[in-house]
Amino acid sequence: MKLYYISFPRFPERYRHIRNELEKVGLMGEPIEAVDGALLTEKDLEELCDVEEIHRYGNALLDANKQINKHKVGATLSHHRFYKALISTSDKAGCVLEDDVILPMSFRNILMALEKELEEDELVLLYAGAHQDKRLSKRGAKFLGRIDGVEYGLYYPMTPNVASAVAYCIGRKAAQRLLAINTPIKCTVDLWEYYYKRGAFSRIRIVYPLCVGHETFRSTISYPALGRWGRMRAYVRNVIESTKFPLLYNLLRWRRGRVIERLAKFYLVDEESPIAKGQVPFPVS
């Protein structure tokens, strides 16, 4: 399965990180240059986005002040570049990584096992997070193999309300449908429930145990600081990030790591997932 990675040229630390991770596991990967949302103008947003649908759905592309976050639009466009690159080939599926992923030494073998199982119309998350329902169904699970001492499997989440685009594999047909559904842009890239409800892919499965990690870099997506205290906190964070003052910088990264760990904590249940039958458990809103 061909491997792609998305990276920002203007963030050298992140670029070095993804290159080092790929070198560590003996893989190359085709680079996808990220779309820099900071350079998008209001006119760009009007042309690229379905503004009415974004506000109607009230999705994650909106900031707390109900404005479209251009950095999130840039992130979504970056993944659209990956879909177009995949569709331009005759490949059945492709795998994409963001530049803050942490890869295990067994990653090549995991990809080889996935390539045998992945269908053209499905999405497989190598890393995922969920705020509420963290259940994965044992029923219908597919054993991928014991790889470097870890028994990996493909599991259906109990609901499609899972997120993260840090690392995933997607079939060619699913990429085509997803691109068609989200052109013009209506939703952020990793709100998978939105695309599942609209038929972008027949099913979602998650590799469990999660087979990649997530580095605690500062997000490349900027959020507006609301209120006096919000602006003050943002200023302090910016100072800490720029100076990398050891104690405070390490504390910031530790806190990010705790949030990441909490979101990615799934567990197995002996219940059948509606997704295994291709059902949409909730109506399209």
C-alpha atoms as a PDB file:
ATOM      1  CA  MET A   1       0.000   0.000   0.000  1.00  0.00           C
ATOM      2  CA  LYS A   2       1.400   3.363  -0.981  1.00  0.00           C
ATOM      3  CA  LEU A   3       2.221   5.696   1.889  1.00  0.00           C
ATOM      4  CA  TYR A   4       1.734   9.483   1.882  1.00  0.00           C
ATOM      5  CA  TYR A   5       2.553  12.085   4.489  1.00  0.00           C
ATOM      6  CA  ILE A   6       1.322  15.657   4.957  1.00  0.00           C
ATOM      7  CA  SER A   7       3.710  18.294   6.243  1.00  0.00           C
ATOM      8  CA  PHE A   8       4.132  22.068   6.465  1.00  0.00           C
ATOM      9  CA  PRO A   9       7.344  23.473   4.988  1.00  0.00           C
ATOM     10  CA  ARG A  10       7.160  26.390   7.441  1.00  0.00           C
ATOM     11  CA  PHE A  11       7.235  24.092  10.484  1.00  0.00           C
ATOM     12  CA  PRO A  12      10.749  22.573  10.273  1.00  0.00           C
ATOM     13  CA  GLU A  13      10.504  20.759  13.626  1.00  0.00           C
ATOM     14  CA  ARG A  14       7.434  18.848  12.473  1.00  0.00           C
ATOM     15  CA  TYR A  15       8.971  18.127   9.066  1.00  0.00           C
ATOM     16  CA  ARG A  16      12.133  16.730  10.669  1.00  0.00           C
ATOM     17  CA  HIS A  17       9.980  14.643  12.968  1.00  0.00           C
ATOM     18  CA  ILE A  18       7.972  12.902  10.213  1.00  0.00           C
ATOM     19  CA  ARG A  19      11.081  12.342   8.113  1.00  0.00           C
ATOM     20  CA  ASN A  20      12.849  10.797  11.111  1.00  0.00           C
ATOM     21  CA  GLU A  21       9.857   8.574  11.859  1.00  0.00           C
ATOM     22  CA  LEU A  22       9.753   7.274   8.291  1.00  0.00           C
ATOM     23  CA  GLU A  23      13.503   6.687   8.264  1.00  0.00           C
ATOM     24  CA  LYS A  24      13.228   4.865  11.594  1.00  0.00           C
ATOM     25  CA  VAL A  25      10.830   2.282  10.109  1.00  0.00           C
ATOM     26  CA  GLY A  26      12.571   2.071   6.730  1.00  0.00           C
ATOM     27  CA  LEU A  27       9.828   3.681   4.633  1.00  0.00           C
ATOM     28  CA  MET A  28       9.835   6.594   2.220  1.00  0.00           C
ATOM     29  CA  GLY A  29       6.332   7.934   1.565  1.00  0.00           C
ATOM     30  CA  GLU A  30       5.146  10.493  -0.952  1.00  0.00           C
ATOM     31  CA  PRO A  31       5.057  14.021   0.475  1.00  0.00           C
ATOM     32  CA  ILE A  32       1.859  16.056   0.305  1.00  0.00           C
ATOM     33  CA  GLU A  33       2.530  19.736   0.927  1.00  0.00           C
ATOM     34  CA  ALA A  34      -0.026  21.009   3.407  1.00  0.00           C
ATOM     35  CA  VAL A  35      -2.285  23.891   2.485  1.00  0.00           C
ATOM     36  CA  ASP A  36      -1.416  26.796   4.766  1.00  0.00           C
ATOM     37  CA  GLY A  37      -4.732  28.025   6.100  1.00  0.00           C
ATOM     38  CA  ALA A  38      -3.102  31.201   7.381  1.00  0.00           C
ATOM     39  CA  LEU A  39      -2.753  32.344   3.754  1.00  0.00           C
ATOM     40  CA  LEU A  40      -6.430  31.848   2.873  1.00  0.00           C
ATOM     41  CA  THR A  41      -8.411  35.045   2.407  1.00  0.00           C
ATOM     42  CA  GLU A  42     -12.089  35.671   3.100  1.00  0.00           C
ATOM     43  CA  LYS A  43     -12.683  35.473  -0.643  1.00  0.00           C
ATOM     44  CA  ASP A  44     -10.933  32.078  -0.712  1.00  0.00           C
ATOM     45  CA  LEU A  45     -13.203  30.816   2.059  1.00  0.00           C
ATOM     46  CA  GLU A  46     -16.306  31.959   0.197  1.00  0.00           C
ATOM     47  CA  GLU A  47     -15.162  30.192  -2.964  1.00  0.00           C
ATOM     48  CA  LEU A  48     -13.902  27.005  -1.302  1.00  0.00           C
ATOM     49  CA  CYS A  49     -16.626  26.484   1.303  1.00  0.00           C
ATOM     50  CA  ASP A  50     -20.359  25.885   1.407  1.00  0.00           C
ATOM     51  CA  VAL A  51     -20.839  28.590   4.013  1.00  0.00           C
ATOM     52  CA  GLU A  52     -24.568  27.989   4.421  1.00  0.00           C
ATOM     53  CA  GLU A  53     -24.130  24.245   5.064  1.00  0.00           C
ATOM     54  CA  ILE A  54     -21.269  24.859   7.502  1.00  0.00           C
ATOM     55  CA  HIS A  55     -23.429  27.160   9.603  1.00  0.00           C
ATOM     56  CA  ARG A  56     -26.511  24.952   9.259  1.00  0.00           C
ATOM     57  CA  TYR A  57     -24.670  21.852  10.436  1.00  0.00           C
ATOM     58  CA  GLY A  58     -22.803  23.804  13.122  1.00  0.00           C
ATOM     59  CA  ASN A  59     -19.773  21.587  12.684  1.00  0.00           C
ATOM     60  CA  ALA A  60     -16.178  21.731  13.857  1.00  0.00           C
ATOM     61  CA  LEU A  61     -15.111  24.122  11.088  1.00  0.00           C
ATOM     62  CA  LEU A  62     -16.589  26.928  13.187  1.00  0.00           C
ATOM     63  CA  ASP A  63     -14.761  28.686  15.989  1.00  0.00           C
ATOM     64  CA  ALA A  64     -16.345  29.597  19.304  1.00  0.00           C
ATOM     65  CA  ASN A  65     -17.249  32.946  17.737  1.00  0.00           C
ATOM     66  CA  LYS A  66     -19.111  31.108  14.905  1.00  0.00           C
ATOM     67  CA  GLN A  67     -16.562  32.135  12.270  1.00  0.00           C
ATOM     68  CA  ILE A  68     -15.087  29.641   9.802  1.00  0.00           C
ATOM     69  CA  ASN A  69     -11.622  28.658  10.984  1.00  0.00           C
ATOM     70  CA  LYS A  70      -9.387  29.029   7.940  1.00  0.00           C
ATOM     71  CA  HIS A  71      -6.692  26.834   9.492  1.00  0.00           C
ATOM     72  CA  LYS A  72      -9.183  23.952   9.656  1.00  0.00           C
ATOM     73  CA  VAL A  73     -10.124  24.632   6.049  1.00  0.00           C
ATOM     74  CA  GLY A  74      -6.431  24.419   5.161  1.00  0.00           C
ATOM     75  CA  ALA A  75      -6.126  21.089   6.992  1.00  0.00           C
ATOM     76  CA  THR A  76      -9.144  19.735   5.116  1.00  0.00           C
ATOM     77  CA  LEU A  77      -7.739  20.886   1.768  1.00  0.00           C
ATOM     78  CA  SER A  78      -4.447  19.177   2.612  1.00  0.00           C
ATOM     79  CA  HIS A  79      -6.227  15.842   2.922  1.00  0.00           C
ATOM     80  CA  HIS A  80      -8.131  16.580  -0.283  1.00  0.00           C
ATOM     81  CA  ARG A  81      -4.719  16.740  -1.961  1.00  0.00           C
ATOM     82  CA  PHE A  82      -4.045  13.252  -0.657  1.00  0.00           C
ATOM     83  CA  TYR A  83      -7.371  11.956  -2.012  1.00  0.00           C
ATOM     84  CA  LYS A  84      -6.642  13.443  -5.424  1.00  0.00           C
ATOM     85  CA  ALA A  85      -3.155  11.916  -5.438  1.00  0.00           C
ATOM     86  CA  LEU A  86      -4.615   8.498  -4.570  1.00  0.00           C
ATOM     87  CA  ILE A  87      -7.394   8.761  -7.157  1.00  0.00           C
ATOM     88  CA  SER A  88      -4.859   9.660  -9.854  1.00  0.00           C
ATOM     89  CA  THR A  89      -3.286   6.214  -9.447  1.00  0.00           C
ATOM     90  CA  SER A  90      -4.710   2.755 -10.054  1.00  0.00           C
ATOM     91  CA  ASP A  91      -4.083   1.788  -6.424  1.00  0.00           C
ATOM     92  CA  LYS A  92      -6.862   0.085  -4.488  1.00  0.00           C
ATOM     93  CA  ALA A  93      -6.125   2.105  -1.346  1.00  0.00           C
ATOM     94  CA  GLY A  94      -3.618   4.422   0.284  1.00  0.00           C
ATOM     95  CA  CYS A  95      -2.344   5.355   3.733  1.00  0.00           C
ATOM     96  CA  VAL A  96      -1.736   8.908   4.908  1.00  0.00           C
ATOM     97  CA  LEU A  97       0.145  10.232   7.932  1.00  0.00           C
ATOM     98  CA  GLU A  98       0.185  13.673   9.475  1.00  0.00           C
ATOM     99  CA  ASP A  99       3.519  15.052  10.573  1.00  0.00           C
ATOM    100  CA  ASP A 100       2.957  14.566  14.315  1.00  0.00           C
ATOM    101  CA  VAL A 101       2.510  10.792  14.128  1.00  0.00           C
ATOM    102  CA  ILE A 102       4.738   8.383  16.067  1.00  0.00           C
ATOM    103  CA  LEU A 103       5.354   5.100  14.257  1.00  0.00           C
ATOM    104  CA  PRO A 104       6.180   1.714  15.802  1.00  0.00           C
ATOM    105  CA  MET A 105       9.089  -0.289  14.427  1.00  0.00           C
ATOM    106  CA  SER A 106       6.551  -2.835  13.197  1.00  0.00           C
ATOM    107  CA  PHE A 107       4.711  -0.279  11.043  1.00  0.00           C
ATOM    108  CA  ARG A 108       5.763  -1.793   7.709  1.00  0.00           C
ATOM    109  CA  ASN A 109       4.399  -5.197   8.766  1.00  0.00           C
ATOM    110  CA  ILE A 110       1.168  -3.633  10.014  1.00  0.00           C
ATOM    111  CA  LEU A 111       0.647  -1.940   6.640  1.00  0.00           C
ATOM    112  CA  MET A 112       1.288  -5.222   4.832  1.00  0.00           C
ATOM    113  CA  ALA A 113      -1.341  -6.955   6.971  1.00  0.00           C
ATOM    114  CA  LEU A 114      -3.840  -4.135   6.398  1.00  0.00           C
ATOM    115  CA  GLU A 115      -3.323  -4.183   2.639  1.00  0.00           C
ATOM    116  CA  LYS A 116      -4.730  -7.721   2.522  1.00  0.00           C
ATOM    117  CA  GLU A 117      -7.916  -6.698   4.357  1.00  0.00           C
ATOM    118  CA  LEU A 118      -8.742  -3.164   3.231  1.00  0.00           C
ATOM    119  CA  GLU A 119     -11.653  -2.776   0.823  1.00  0.00           C
ATOM    120  CA  GLU A 120     -11.951   0.018  -1.749  1.00  0.00           C
ATOM    121  CA  ASP A 121     -14.984   1.545  -0.059  1.00  0.00           C
ATOM    122  CA  GLU A 122     -13.871   1.586   3.575  1.00  0.00           C
ATOM    123  CA  LEU A 123     -11.950   3.668   6.078  1.00  0.00           C
ATOM    124  CA  VAL A 124      -9.490   2.187   8.572  1.00  0.00           C
ATOM    125  CA  LEU A 125      -8.155   4.396  11.352  1.00  0.00           C
ATOM    126  CA  LEU A 126      -4.700   3.601  12.703  1.00  0.00           C
ATOM    127  CA  TYR A 127      -5.208   6.197  15.400  1.00  0.00           C
ATOM    128  CA  ALA A 128      -8.512   7.533  16.722  1.00  0.00           C
ATOM    129  CA  GLY A 129     -10.102   9.523  19.475  1.00  0.00           C
ATOM    130  CA  ALA A 130     -13.611   9.844  20.881  1.00  0.00           C
ATOM    131  CA  HIS A 131     -15.129  12.187  23.436  1.00  0.00           C
ATOM    132  CA  GLN A 132     -18.004   9.928  24.479  1.00  0.00           C
ATOM    133  CA  ASP A 133     -18.625   6.418  23.153  1.00  0.00           C
ATOM    134  CA  LYS A 134     -15.279   4.597  23.255  1.00  0.00           C
ATOM    135  CA  ARG A 135     -16.606   1.073  22.687  1.00  0.00           C
ATOM    136  CA  LEU A 136     -15.219  -1.221  20.009  1.00  0.00           C
ATOM    137  CA  SER A 137     -17.168  -4.339  19.064  1.00  0.00           C
ATOM    138  CA  LYS A 138     -15.555  -7.758  19.387  1.00  0.00           C
ATOM    139  CA  ARG A 139     -18.158  -9.180  17.028  1.00  0.00           C
ATOM    140  CA  GLY A 140     -17.044  -9.281  13.439  1.00  0.00           C
ATOM    141  CA  ALA A 141     -13.506  -8.294  14.415  1.00  0.00           C
ATOM    142  CA  LYS A 142     -10.712  -9.416  12.102  1.00  0.00           C
ATOM    143  CA  PHE A 143      -7.419 -10.637  13.561  1.00  0.00           C
ATOM    144  CA  LEU A 144      -4.519  -8.987  11.721  1.00  0.00           C
ATOM    145  CA  GLY A 145      -1.822 -11.055  13.359  1.00  0.00           C
ATOM    146  CA  ARG A 146       0.703 -11.051  16.158  1.00  0.00           C
ATOM    147  CA  ILE A 147       3.201  -8.421  15.089  1.00  0.00           C
ATOM    148  CA  ASP A 148       6.271  -7.798  17.246  1.00  0.00           C
ATOM    149  CA  GLY A 149       4.489  -9.350  20.215  1.00  0.00           C
ATOM    150  CA  VAL A 150       1.274  -7.322  19.851  1.00  0.00           C
ATOM    151  CA  GLU A 151      -1.996  -8.923  18.732  1.00  0.00           C
ATOM    152  CA  TYR A 152      -3.603  -6.407  16.381  1.00  0.00           C
ATOM    153  CA  GLY A 153      -7.163  -6.591  15.110  1.00  0.00           C
ATOM    154  CA  LEU A 154      -9.652  -4.604  13.043  1.00  0.00           C
ATOM    155  CA  TYR A 155     -12.660  -3.604  15.125  1.00  0.00           C
ATOM    156  CA  TYR A 156     -15.911  -1.786  14.390  1.00  0.00           C
ATOM    157  CA  PRO A 157     -16.650   1.195  16.639  1.00  0.00           C
ATOM    158  CA  MET A 158     -20.126   1.085  18.156  1.00  0.00           C
ATOM    159  CA  THR A 159     -20.883   4.478  16.576  1.00  0.00           C
ATOM    160  CA  PRO A 160     -19.203   6.413  13.750  1.00  0.00           C
ATOM    161  CA  ASN A 161     -18.589   9.295  16.145  1.00  0.00           C
ATOM    162  CA  VAL A 162     -14.804   8.876  16.115  1.00  0.00           C
ATOM    163  CA  ALA A 163     -12.226  11.410  15.034  1.00  0.00           C
ATOM    164  CA  SER A 164      -8.575  12.056  14.153  1.00  0.00           C
ATOM    165  CA  ALA A 165      -6.799  12.172  10.814  1.00  0.00           C
ATOM    166  CA  VAL A 166      -3.332  11.551  12.286  1.00  0.00           C
ATOM    167  CA  ALA A 167      -3.022   8.225  10.455  1.00  0.00           C
ATOM    168  CA  TYR A 168      -5.545   6.284   8.382  1.00  0.00           C
ATOM    169  CA  CYS A 169      -5.992   4.083   5.337  1.00  0.00           C
ATOM    170  CA  ILE A 170      -8.761   4.713   2.866  1.00  0.00           C
ATOM    171  CA  GLY A 171      -9.974   2.838  -0.166  1.00  0.00           C
ATOM    172  CA  ARG A 172      -9.957   4.439  -3.594  1.00  0.00           C
ATOM    173  CA  LYS A 173     -13.758   4.498  -3.958  1.00  0.00           C
ATOM    174  CA  ALA A 174     -14.177   5.928  -0.468  1.00  0.00           C
ATOM    175  CA  ALA A 175     -11.684   8.698  -1.272  1.00  0.00           C
ATOM    176  CA  GLN A 176     -13.605   9.566  -4.438  1.00  0.00           C
ATOM    177  CA  ARG A 177     -16.929   9.742  -2.597  1.00  0.00           C
ATOM    178  CA  LEU A 178     -15.520  11.704   0.322  1.00  0.00           C
ATOM    179  CA  LEU A 179     -13.979  14.250  -2.025  1.00  0.00           C
ATOM    180  CA  ALA A 180     -17.262  14.609  -3.922  1.00  0.00           C
ATOM    181  CA  ILE A 181     -19.290  15.002  -0.713  1.00  0.00           C
ATOM    182  CA  ASN A 182     -16.970  17.650   0.708  1.00  0.00           C
ATOM    183  CA  THR A 183     -16.507  19.763  -2.421  1.00  0.00           C
ATOM    184  CA  PRO A 184     -17.177  22.582  -1.737  1.00  0.00           C
ATOM    185  CA  ILE A 185     -16.040  22.154   1.861  1.00  0.00           C
ATOM    186  CA  LYS A 186     -18.850  21.531   4.324  1.00  0.00           C
ATOM    187  CA  CYS A 187     -17.083  19.763   7.166  1.00  0.00           C
ATOM    188  CA  THR A 188     -13.691  19.373   8.788  1.00  0.00           C
ATOM    189  CA  VAL A 189     -11.548  16.492   7.573  1.00  0.00           C
ATOM    190  CA  ASP A 190     -11.786  14.129  10.537  1.00  0.00           C
ATOM    191  CA  LEU A 191     -15.456  14.307  11.518  1.00  0.00           C
ATOM    192  CA  TRP A 192     -15.908  10.799  10.127  1.00  0.00           C
ATOM    193  CA  GLU A 193     -19.492  10.483  11.315  1.00  0.00           C
ATOM    194  CA  TYR A 194     -20.525  13.239   8.893  1.00  0.00           C
ATOM    195  CA  TYR A 195     -19.096  11.375   5.903  1.00  0.00           C
ATOM    196  CA  TYR A 196     -20.304   7.946   7.015  1.00  0.00           C
ATOM    197  CA  LYS A 197     -23.886   9.176   7.287  1.00  0.00           C
ATOM    198  CA  ARG A 198     -23.659  10.480   3.725  1.00  0.00           C
ATOM    199  CA  GLY A 199     -22.332   7.261   2.247  1.00  0.00           C
ATOM    200  CA  ALA A 200     -18.677   8.142   1.715  1.00  0.00           C
ATOM    201  CA  PHE A 201     -17.634   4.690   2.918  1.00  0.00           C
ATOM    202  CA  SER A 202     -19.479   1.480   3.686  1.00  0.00           C
ATOM    203  CA  ARG A 203     -17.792   0.955   7.024  1.00  0.00           C
ATOM    204  CA  ILE A 204     -15.278   2.301   9.518  1.00  0.00           C
ATOM    205  CA  ARG A 205     -12.855   0.035  11.314  1.00  0.00           C
ATOM    206  CA  ILE A 206     -10.142   0.829  13.823  1.00  0.00           C
ATOM    207  CA  VAL A 207      -6.834  -0.962  14.319  1.00  0.00           C
ATOM    208  CA  TYR A 208      -6.709  -1.930  17.989  1.00  0.00           C
ATOM    209  CA  PRO A 209      -4.572  -1.638  19.987  1.00  0.00           C
ATOM    210  CA  LEU A 210      -3.973   1.696  18.293  1.00  0.00           C
ATOM    211  CA  CYS A 211      -0.838   1.068  16.285  1.00  0.00           C
ATOM    212  CA  VAL A 212       0.597   4.597  16.100  1.00  0.00           C
ATOM    213  CA  GLY A 213       1.125   7.380  18.586  1.00  0.00           C
ATOM    214  CA  HIS A 214       0.613  11.138  18.547  1.00  0.00           C
ATOM    215  CA  GLU A 215       3.453  13.580  19.268  1.00  0.00           C
ATOM    216  CA  THR A 216       2.569  16.502  21.546  1.00  0.00           C
ATOM    217  CA  PHE A 217       3.487  19.326  19.201  1.00  0.00           C
ATOM    218  CA  ARG A 218       1.503  22.508  19.382  1.00  0.00           C
ATOM    219  CA  SER A 219      -1.390  22.351  16.931  1.00  0.00           C
ATOM    220  CA  THR A 220      -0.939  24.106  13.593  1.00  0.00           C
ATOM    221  CA  ILE A 221      -4.615  25.103  13.829  1.00  0.00           C
ATOM    222  CA  SER A 222      -5.069  28.470  15.481  1.00  0.00           C
ATOM    223  CA  TYR A 223      -8.126  29.331  17.574  1.00  0.00           C
ATOM    224  CA  PRO A 224      -9.269  32.851  18.492  1.00  0.00           C
ATOM    225  CA  ALA A 225      -8.626  33.870  22.089  1.00  0.00           C
ATOM    226  CA  LEU A 226     -11.926  35.069  23.544  1.00  0.00           C
ATOM    227  CA  GLY A 227     -12.023  37.644  26.313  1.00  0.00           C
ATOM    228  CA  ARG A 228      -9.287  39.264  28.348  1.00  0.00           C
ATOM    229  CA  TRP A 229      -8.224  36.101  30.191  1.00  0.00           C
ATOM    230  CA  GLY A 230      -8.322  34.075  26.988  1.00  0.00           C
ATOM    231  CA  ARG A 231      -5.973  36.514  25.298  1.00  0.00           C
ATOM    232  CA  MET A 232      -3.677  36.500  28.315  1.00  0.00           C
ATOM    233  CA  ARG A 233      -3.512  32.693  28.387  1.00  0.00           C
ATOM    234  CA  ALA A 234      -2.801  32.624  24.649  1.00  0.00           C
ATOM    235  CA  TYR A 235      -0.005  35.156  25.119  1.00  0.00           C
ATOM    236  CA  VAL A 236       1.588  33.113  27.920  1.00  0.00           C
ATOM    237  CA  ARG A 237       1.372  29.913  25.863  1.00  0.00           C
ATOM    238  CA  ASN A 238       2.980  31.648  22.894  1.00  0.00           C
ATOM    239  CA  VAL A 239       5.855  32.881  25.063  1.00  0.00           C
ATOM    240  CA  ILE A 240       6.403  29.398  26.511  1.00  0.00           C
ATOM    241  CA  GLU A 241       6.298  27.805  23.056  1.00  0.00           C
ATOM    242  CA  SER A 242       8.719  30.306  21.528  1.00  0.00           C
ATOM    243  CA  THR A 243      11.240  30.258  24.388  1.00  0.00           C
ATOM    244  CA  LYS A 244      10.800  26.545  25.224  1.00  0.00           C
ATOM    245  CA  PHE A 245      11.470  27.354  28.875  1.00  0.00           C
ATOM    246  CA  PRO A 246      12.207  23.818  30.154  1.00  0.00           C
ATOM    247  CA  LEU A 247       9.853  23.414  33.112  1.00  0.00           C
ATOM    248  CA  LEU A 248       6.822  25.208  31.655  1.00  0.00           C
ATOM    249  CA  TYR A 249       7.322  23.851  28.124  1.00  0.00           C
ATOM    250  CA  ASN A 250       7.480  20.291  29.451  1.00  0.00           C
ATOM    251  CA  LEU A 251       4.346  20.941  31.502  1.00  0.00           C
ATOM    252  CA  LEU A 252       2.480  22.141  28.407  1.00  0.00           C
ATOM    253  CA  ARG A 253       3.473  19.027  26.470  1.00  0.00           C
ATOM    254  CA  TRP A 254       2.539  16.804  29.408  1.00  0.00           C
ATOM    255  CA  ARG A 255      -0.938  18.353  29.546  1.00  0.00           C
ATOM    256  CA  ARG A 256      -1.415  17.844  25.795  1.00  0.00           C
ATOM    257  CA  GLY A 257      -0.298  14.255  26.200  1.00  0.00           C
ATOM    258  CA  ARG A 258      -2.890  13.648  28.933  1.00  0.00           C
ATOM    259  CA  VAL A 259      -5.676  14.985  26.697  1.00  0.00           C
ATOM    260  CA  ILE A 260      -4.499  12.834  23.782  1.00  0.00           C
ATOM    261  CA  GLU A 261      -4.314   9.755  26.014  1.00  0.00           C
ATOM    262  CA  ARG A 262      -7.824  10.306  27.380  1.00  0.00           C
ATOM    263  CA  LEU A 263      -9.409  10.707  23.947  1.00  0.00           C
ATOM    264  CA  ALA A 264      -7.680   7.597  22.562  1.00  0.00           C
ATOM    265  CA  LYS A 265      -8.668   5.223  25.382  1.00  0.00           C
ATOM    266  CA  PHE A 266     -11.010   2.647  23.789  1.00  0.00           C
ATOM    267  CA  TYR A 267     -12.268  -0.654  25.180  1.00  0.00           C
ATOM    268  CA  LEU A 268     -13.790  -3.841  23.748  1.00  0.00           C
ATOM    269  CA  VAL A 269     -17.395  -4.966  24.264  1.00  0.00           C
ATOM    270  CA  ASP A 270     -19.280  -8.112  23.274  1.00  0.00           C
ATOM    271  CA  GLU A 271     -21.993  -6.250  21.354  1.00  0.00           C
ATOM    272  CA  GLU A 272     -22.701  -6.022  17.663  1.00  0.00           C
ATOM    273  CA  SER A 273     -21.970  -2.683  16.027  1.00  0.00           C
ATOM    274  CA  PRO A 274     -24.544  -1.268  13.575  1.00  0.00           C
ATOM    275  CA  ILE A 275     -21.593  -0.310  11.372  1.00  0.00           C
ATOM    276  CA  ALA A 276     -20.797  -4.003  10.819  1.00  0.00           C
ATOM    277  CA  LYS A 277     -24.124  -4.257   8.983  1.00  0.00           C
ATOM    278  CA  GLY A 278     -23.598  -1.015   7.096  1.00  0.00           C
ATOM    279  CA  GLN A 279     -26.301   0.689   9.149  1.00  0.00           C
ATOM    280  CA  VAL A 280     -26.349   4.358  10.062  1.00  0.00           C
ATOM    281  CA  PRO A 281     -27.250   4.397  13.775  1.00  0.00           C
ATOM    282  CA  PHE A 282     -28.341   8.026  13.751  1.00  0.00           C
ATOM    283  CA  PRO A 283     -30.325  10.037  11.199  1.00  0.00           C
ATOM    284  CA  VAL A 284     -28.552  12.488   8.909  1.00  0.00           C
ATOM    285  CA  SER A 285     -29.060  15.983  10.305  1.00  0.00           C
END
